[in-house]
């Protein structure tokens, strides 16, 4: 009985690792992890109110 439980846990962990590995998608293809988008921020060279 112990072998069956241990085998089930190992198979479940391997399945979870495979599922999480397949789900990661960081190439902006949609879903999964997305790359951050850089937004330009305007910067003043001289202070206002001279």
PDB file of N, CA and C in Angstrom:
ATOM      1  N   UNK A   1       0.828  -1.197   0.000  1.00  0.00           N
ATOM      2  CA  UNK A   1       0.000   0.000   0.000  1.00  0.00           C
ATOM      3  C   UNK A   1       0.869   1.256   0.000  1.00  0.00           C
ATOM      4  N   UNK A   2       1.978   1.211   0.739  1.00  0.00           N
ATOM      5  CA  UNK A   2       2.876   2.358   0.791  1.00  0.00           C
ATOM      6  C   UNK A   2       3.459   2.659  -0.586  1.00  0.00           C
ATOM      7  N   UNK A   3       3.790   1.604  -1.334  1.00  0.00           N
ATOM      8  CA  UNK A   3       4.363   1.804  -2.664  1.00  0.00           C
ATOM      9  C   UNK A   3       3.364   2.484  -3.594  1.00  0.00           C
ATOM     10  N   UNK A   4       2.094   2.123  -3.485  1.00  0.00           N
ATOM     11  CA  UNK A   4       1.057   2.719  -4.322  1.00  0.00           C
ATOM     12  C   UNK A   4       0.896   4.203  -4.012  1.00  0.00           C
ATOM     13  N   UNK A   5       0.899   4.559  -2.740  1.00  0.00           N
ATOM     14  CA  UNK A   5       0.769   5.962  -2.339  1.00  0.00           C
ATOM     15  C   UNK A   5       1.994   6.745  -2.797  1.00  0.00           C
ATOM     16  N   UNK A   6       3.174   6.202  -2.593  1.00  0.00           N
ATOM     17  CA  UNK A   6       4.402   6.872  -3.010  1.00  0.00           C
ATOM     18  C   UNK A   6       4.437   7.044  -4.528  1.00  0.00           C
ATOM     19  N   UNK A   7       4.053   6.022  -5.267  1.00  0.00           N
ATOM     20  CA  UNK A   7       4.008   6.109  -6.728  1.00  0.00           C
ATOM     21  C   UNK A   7       3.009   7.175  -7.175  1.00  0.00           C
ATOM     22  N   UNK A   8       1.855   7.239  -6.527  1.00  0.00           N
ATOM     23  CA  UNK A   8       0.841   8.238  -6.866  1.00  0.00           C
ATOM     24  C   UNK A   8       1.341   9.649  -6.607  1.00  0.00           C
ATOM     25  N   UNK A   9       2.048   9.847  -5.499  1.00  0.00           N
ATOM     26  CA  UNK A   9       2.593  11.168  -5.178  1.00  0.00           C
ATOM     27  C   UNK A   9       3.643  11.570  -6.205  1.00  0.00           C
ATOM     28  N   UNK A  10       4.517  10.652  -6.575  1.00  0.00           N
ATOM     29  CA  UNK A  10       5.565  10.950  -7.566  1.00  0.00           C
ATOM     30  C   UNK A  10       4.940  11.287  -8.911  1.00  0.00           C
ATOM     31  N   UNK A  11       3.955  10.525  -9.337  1.00  0.00           N
ATOM     32  CA  UNK A  11       3.287  10.796 -10.616  1.00  0.00           C
ATOM     33  C   UNK A  11       2.571  12.139 -10.555  1.00  0.00           C
ATOM     34  N   UNK A  12       1.928  12.449  -9.440  1.00  0.00           N
ATOM     35  CA  UNK A  12       1.238  13.731  -9.299  1.00  0.00           C
ATOM     36  C   UNK A  12       2.231  14.893  -9.342  1.00  0.00           C
ATOM     37  N   UNK A  13       3.367  14.764  -8.679  1.00  0.00           N
ATOM     38  CA  UNK A  13       4.378  15.825  -8.696  1.00  0.00           C
ATOM     39  C   UNK A  13       4.970  16.010 -10.084  1.00  0.00           C
ATOM     40  N   UNK A  14       5.249  14.913 -10.781  1.00  0.00           N
ATOM     41  CA  UNK A  14       5.766  15.024 -12.145  1.00  0.00           C
ATOM     42  C   UNK A  14       4.732  15.666 -13.070  1.00  0.00           C
ATOM     43  N   UNK A  15       3.479  15.311 -12.914  1.00  0.00           N
ATOM     44  CA  UNK A  15       2.422  15.923 -13.713  1.00  0.00           C
ATOM     45  C   UNK A  15       2.280  17.404 -13.424  1.00  0.00           C
ATOM     46  N   UNK A  16       2.391  17.787 -12.164  1.00  0.00           N
ATOM     47  CA  UNK A  16       2.315  19.197 -11.792  1.00  0.00           C
ATOM     48  C   UNK A  16       3.491  19.977 -12.371  1.00  0.00           C
ATOM     49  N   UNK A  17       4.690  19.408 -12.296  1.00  0.00           N
ATOM     50  CA  UNK A  17       5.873  20.076 -12.857  1.00  0.00           C
ATOM     51  C   UNK A  17       5.737  20.239 -14.368  1.00  0.00           C
ATOM     52  N   UNK A  18       5.238  19.217 -15.043  1.00  0.00           N
ATOM     53  CA  UNK A  18       5.048  19.295 -16.501  1.00  0.00           C
ATOM     54  C   UNK A  18       4.004  20.349 -16.848  1.00  0.00           C
ATOM     55  N   UNK A  19       2.899  20.376 -16.087  1.00  0.00           N
ATOM     56  CA  UNK A  19       1.817  21.326 -16.346  1.00  0.00           C
ATOM     57  C   UNK A  19       2.289  22.763 -16.142  1.00  0.00           C
ATOM     58  N   UNK A  20       3.040  23.010 -15.068  1.00  0.00           N
ATOM     59  CA  UNK A  20       3.550  24.363 -14.820  1.00  0.00           C
ATOM     60  C   UNK A  20       4.593  24.752 -15.863  1.00  0.00           C
ATOM     61  N   UNK A  21       5.401  23.804 -16.304  1.00  0.00           N
ATOM     62  CA  UNK A  21       6.397  24.096 -17.336  1.00  0.00           C
ATOM     63  C   UNK A  21       5.771  24.398 -18.674  1.00  0.00           C
ATOM     64  N   UNK A  22       4.702  23.707 -19.020  1.00  0.00           N
ATOM     65  CA  UNK A  22       4.019  23.951 -20.287  1.00  0.00           C
ATOM     66  C   UNK A  22       3.253  25.259 -20.259  1.00  0.00           C
ATOM     67  N   UNK A  23       2.801  25.676 -19.089  1.00  0.00           N
ATOM     68  CA  UNK A  23       1.974  26.873 -18.982  1.00  0.00           C
ATOM     69  C   UNK A  23       2.760  28.166 -18.997  1.00  0.00           C
ATOM     70  N   UNK A  24       4.072  28.127 -18.785  1.00  0.00           N
ATOM     71  CA  UNK A  24       4.834  29.369 -18.760  1.00  0.00           C
ATOM     72  C   UNK A  24       5.104  29.830 -20.180  1.00  0.00           C
ATOM     73  N   UNK A  25       4.728  31.056 -20.460  1.00  0.00           N
ATOM     74  CA  UNK A  25       4.822  31.604 -21.808  1.00  0.00           C
ATOM     75  C   UNK A  25       5.201  33.067 -21.693  1.00  0.00           C
ATOM     76  N   UNK A  26       6.490  33.370 -21.758  1.00  0.00           N
ATOM     77  CA  UNK A  26       6.927  34.743 -21.543  1.00  0.00           C
ATOM     78  C   UNK A  26       7.383  35.419 -22.835  1.00  0.00           C
ATOM     79  N   UNK A  27       6.820  35.056 -23.967  1.00  0.00           N
ATOM     80  CA  UNK A  27       7.218  35.682 -25.225  1.00  0.00           C
ATOM     81  C   UNK A  27       6.104  36.562 -25.796  1.00  0.00           C
ATOM     82  N   UNK A  28       5.230  37.066 -24.931  1.00  0.00           N
ATOM     83  CA  UNK A  28       4.109  37.924 -25.318  1.00  0.00           C
ATOM     84  C   UNK A  28       3.193  37.238 -26.323  1.00  0.00           C
ATOM     85  N   UNK A  29       3.132  35.922 -26.307  1.00  0.00           N
ATOM     86  CA  UNK A  29       2.251  35.192 -27.200  1.00  0.00           C
ATOM     87  C   UNK A  29       0.837  35.077 -26.650  1.00  0.00           C
ATOM     88  N   UNK A  30       0.593  35.643 -25.498  1.00  0.00           N
ATOM     89  CA  UNK A  30      -0.729  35.586 -24.889  1.00  0.00           C
ATOM     90  C   UNK A  30      -0.758  34.563 -23.775  1.00  0.00           C
ATOM     91  N   UNK A  31      -1.260  34.968 -22.635  1.00  0.00           N
ATOM     92  CA  UNK A  31      -1.355  34.074 -21.490  1.00  0.00           C
ATOM     93  C   UNK A  31      -0.005  33.861 -20.826  1.00  0.00           C
ATOM     94  N   UNK A  32      -0.009  33.326 -19.659  1.00  0.00           N
ATOM     95  CA  UNK A  32       1.232  33.052 -18.944  1.00  0.00           C
ATOM     96  C   UNK A  32       1.915  34.331 -18.495  1.00  0.00           C
ATOM     97  N   UNK A  33       3.205  34.269 -18.325  1.00  0.00           N
ATOM     98  CA  UNK A  33       3.971  35.434 -17.898  1.00  0.00           C
ATOM     99  C   UNK A  33       4.185  36.361 -19.079  1.00  0.00           C
ATOM    100  N   UNK A  34       4.013  37.645 -18.863  1.00  0.00           N
ATOM    101  CA  UNK A  34       4.147  38.618 -19.940  1.00  0.00           C
ATOM    102  C   UNK A  34       5.343  39.526 -19.669  1.00  0.00           C
ATOM    103  N   UNK A  35       6.004  39.957 -20.729  1.00  0.00           N
ATOM    104  CA  UNK A  35       7.101  40.915 -20.609  1.00  0.00           C
ATOM    105  C   UNK A  35       6.521  42.286 -20.259  1.00  0.00           C
ATOM    106  N   UNK A  36       7.165  43.041 -19.360  1.00  0.00           N
ATOM    107  CA  UNK A  36       6.661  44.380 -19.046  1.00  0.00           C
ATOM    108  C   UNK A  36       6.863  45.325 -20.237  1.00  0.00           C
ATOM    109  N   UNK A  37       5.956  46.271 -20.384  1.00  0.00           N
ATOM    110  CA  UNK A  37       6.042  47.257 -21.457  1.00  0.00           C
ATOM    111  C   UNK A  37       6.607  48.536 -20.860  1.00  0.00           C
ATOM    112  N   UNK A  38       7.657  49.070 -21.474  1.00  0.00           N
ATOM    113  CA  UNK A  38       8.249  50.313 -21.004  1.00  0.00           C
ATOM    114  C   UNK A  38       7.484  51.486 -21.597  1.00  0.00           C
ATOM    115  N   UNK A  39       7.085  52.414 -20.726  1.00  0.00           N
ATOM    116  CA  UNK A  39       6.330  53.592 -21.154  1.00  0.00           C
ATOM    117  C   UNK A  39       7.229  54.805 -20.984  1.00  0.00           C
ATOM    118  N   UNK A  40       7.401  55.628 -22.033  1.00  0.00           N
ATOM    119  CA  UNK A  40       8.254  56.817 -21.900  1.00  0.00           C
ATOM    120  C   UNK A  40       7.631  57.830 -20.939  1.00  0.00           C
ATOM    121  N   UNK A  41       8.466  58.424 -20.092  1.00  0.00           N
ATOM    122  CA  UNK A  41       8.018  59.423 -19.126  1.00  0.00           C
ATOM    123  C   UNK A  41       8.657  60.750 -19.509  1.00  0.00           C
ATOM    124  N   UNK A  42       7.861  61.797 -19.746  1.00  0.00           N
ATOM    125  CA  UNK A  42       8.445  63.088 -20.111  1.00  0.00           C
ATOM    126  C   UNK A  42       9.223  63.684 -18.934  1.00  0.00           C
ATOM    127  N   UNK A  43      10.396  64.243 -19.225  1.00  0.00           N
ATOM    128  CA  UNK A  43      11.246  64.834 -18.194  1.00  0.00           C
ATOM    129  C   UNK A  43      11.566  66.265 -18.607  1.00  0.00           C
ATOM    130  N   UNK A  44      11.405  67.211 -17.672  1.00  0.00           N
ATOM    131  CA  UNK A  44      11.720  68.622 -17.955  1.00  0.00           C
ATOM    132  C   UNK A  44      13.201  68.862 -17.694  1.00  0.00           C
ATOM    133  N   UNK A  45      13.835  69.590 -18.609  1.00  0.00           N
ATOM    134  CA  UNK A  45      15.253  69.914 -18.418  1.00  0.00           C
ATOM    135  C   UNK A  45      15.444  71.102 -17.488  1.00  0.00           C
ATOM    136  N   UNK A  46      14.509  72.043 -17.533  1.00  0.00           N
ATOM    137  CA  UNK A  46      14.625  73.260 -16.730  1.00  0.00           C
ATOM    138  C   UNK A  46      13.410  73.364 -15.823  1.00  0.00           C
ATOM    139  N   UNK A  47      13.606  73.842 -14.579  1.00  0.00           N
ATOM    140  CA  UNK A  47      12.460  73.967 -13.670  1.00  0.00           C
ATOM    141  C   UNK A  47      11.486  75.057 -14.148  1.00  0.00           C
ATOM    142  N   UNK A  48      10.231  74.874 -13.852  1.00  0.00           N
ATOM    143  CA  UNK A  48       9.207  75.862 -14.229  1.00  0.00           C
ATOM    144  C   UNK A  48       9.229  77.028 -13.263  1.00  0.00           C
ATOM    145  N   UNK A  49       8.705  78.169 -13.717  1.00  0.00           N
ATOM    146  CA  UNK A  49       8.553  79.329 -12.833  1.00  0.00           C
ATOM    147  C   UNK A  49       9.801  80.177 -12.711  1.00  0.00           C
ATOM    148  N   UNK A  50      10.532  80.342 -13.770  1.00  0.00           N
ATOM    149  CA  UNK A  50      11.718  81.214 -13.714  1.00  0.00           C
ATOM    150  C   UNK A  50      11.342  82.643 -13.707  1.00  0.00           C
TER     151      UNK A  50
END
